[in-house]
Protein backbone atom coordinates (compact mmCIF):
# COMPACT_ATOMS: atom_id res chain seq x y z
CA UNK A 1 45.10 72.29 126.34
CA UNK A 2 44.95 74.86 124.36
CA UNK A 3 41.46 75.48 123.15
CA UNK A 4 38.76 78.08 124.86
CA UNK A 5 36.51 76.27 127.23
CA UNK A 6 32.88 77.08 126.79
CA UNK A 7 29.42 76.51 128.61
CA UNK A 8 25.67 76.83 128.05
CA UNK A 9 26.00 80.57 128.88
CA UNK A 10 28.18 81.63 125.91
CA UNK A 11 27.84 78.80 123.50
CA UNK A 12 25.69 81.40 121.31
CA UNK A 13 28.32 84.13 121.79
CA UNK A 14 31.33 81.92 121.55
CA UNK A 15 30.18 78.90 119.05
CA UNK A 16 27.16 79.98 116.61
CA UNK A 17 28.02 83.23 116.23
CA UNK A 18 31.46 82.85 115.81
CA UNK A 19 32.74 84.48 112.16
CA UNK A 20 35.05 81.38 112.31
CA UNK A 21 34.34 77.80 111.72
CA UNK A 22 34.40 76.38 115.34
CA UNK A 23 34.94 72.88 116.55
CA UNK A 24 33.04 71.89 119.95
CA UNK A 25 34.86 69.00 121.71
CA UNK A 26 32.20 67.48 124.41
CA UNK A 27 34.20 65.92 126.92
CA UNK A 28 34.23 64.83 130.88
CA UNK A 29 37.04 65.07 133.05
CA UNK A 30 36.43 61.41 133.95
CA UNK A 31 36.84 60.85 130.32
CA UNK A 32 39.96 59.33 129.35
CA UNK A 33 39.87 59.28 125.81
CA UNK A 34 38.78 62.92 126.10
CA UNK A 35 42.49 63.11 127.63
CA UNK A 36 43.64 62.11 124.90
CA UNK A 37 41.65 64.01 122.09
CA UNK A 38 42.97 67.36 124.33
CA UNK A 39 46.56 67.47 122.57
CA UNK A 40 45.28 66.41 119.15
CA UNK A 41 43.16 68.92 119.53
CA UNK A 42 45.48 71.13 120.82
CA UNK A 43 47.91 70.97 117.55
CA UNK A 44 44.65 71.84 115.19
CA UNK A 45 43.96 74.93 117.17
CA UNK A 46 47.39 76.03 116.62
CA UNK A 47 47.74 74.61 112.93
CA UNK A 48 44.90 76.46 112.01
CA UNK A 49 44.83 79.56 114.16
CA UNK A 50 43.29 82.52 112.57
CA UNK A 51 41.09 80.35 110.55
CA UNK A 52 39.05 77.88 113.27
CA UNK A 53 38.56 78.04 117.13
CA UNK A 54 38.17 74.76 118.92
CA UNK A 55 36.74 74.73 121.69
CA UNK A 56 35.55 72.39 124.53
CA UNK A 57 32.44 72.05 126.36
CA UNK A 58 32.15 69.64 129.86
CA UNK A 59 28.87 67.53 129.29
CA UNK A 60 28.34 67.44 132.93
CA UNK A 61 28.07 71.50 133.99
CA UNK A 62 26.55 71.68 130.76
CA UNK A 63 23.63 69.95 130.07
CA UNK A 64 20.95 72.35 127.88
CA UNK A 65 24.20 72.03 125.26
CA UNK A 66 24.55 68.10 125.26
CA UNK A 67 20.86 67.80 124.88
CA UNK A 68 20.36 70.80 122.20
CA UNK A 69 22.85 68.84 120.17
CA UNK A 70 22.17 65.10 121.47
CA UNK A 71 25.12 63.98 122.40
CA UNK A 72 25.35 60.68 123.94
CA UNK A 73 29.36 59.42 123.66
CA UNK A 74 32.25 60.96 124.75
CA UNK A 75 34.47 62.54 122.80
CA UNK A 76 31.65 63.67 120.76
CA UNK A 77 33.58 66.41 117.81
CA UNK A 78 30.27 68.72 116.53
CA UNK A 79 31.86 71.08 113.74
CA UNK A 80 29.83 74.63 113.57
CA UNK A 81 29.90 76.88 110.73
CA UNK A 82 28.04 79.82 109.88
CA UNK A 83 25.77 79.24 113.34
CA UNK A 84 24.91 75.84 112.51
CA UNK A 85 26.25 71.87 112.90
CA UNK A 86 27.87 70.47 110.14
CA UNK A 87 29.09 67.22 111.34
CA UNK A 88 30.28 64.90 113.82
CA UNK A 89 32.79 62.70 115.06
CA UNK A 90 32.34 60.03 117.61
CA UNK A 91 34.78 58.82 119.54
CA UNK A 92 38.87 59.65 119.56
CA UNK A 93 39.50 60.42 116.08
CA UNK A 94 43.35 60.87 114.55
CA UNK A 95 44.29 64.26 113.49
CA UNK A 96 44.11 63.45 110.12
CA UNK A 97 40.39 62.86 110.37
CA UNK A 98 39.63 66.23 111.96
CA UNK A 99 41.71 67.88 109.49
CA UNK A 100 39.73 66.14 106.57
CA UNK A 101 36.63 67.69 107.75
CA UNK A 102 38.16 71.34 108.67
CA UNK A 103 39.70 71.48 104.91
CA UNK A 104 36.51 70.70 103.66
CA UNK A 105 34.51 73.23 105.79
CA UNK A 106 36.93 75.45 105.05
CA UNK A 107 36.79 75.33 101.37
CA UNK A 108 33.14 75.22 101.01
């Protein structure tokens, strides 16, 4: 996977203080759908390089972030802009659906 790993310790700096929109994949190492989401998000990271940051966070190792954002299912994608969660997607999503949200975030 070509995207950055974040933790509770660096979430604020890497996500909330990011100058560009950020997509956070909440995942777990046992989650088959999370593994399937990784190449999709890798493609998106390449396609949107310099415009959007794609990161992942292991929900077992980062309970504060999981609790803070109410993550209950895997995979969960949270979309952040200017330090605020502006959208969310649950489960494995097609690339086009994720790109649609990103495109809307970039023009808003």
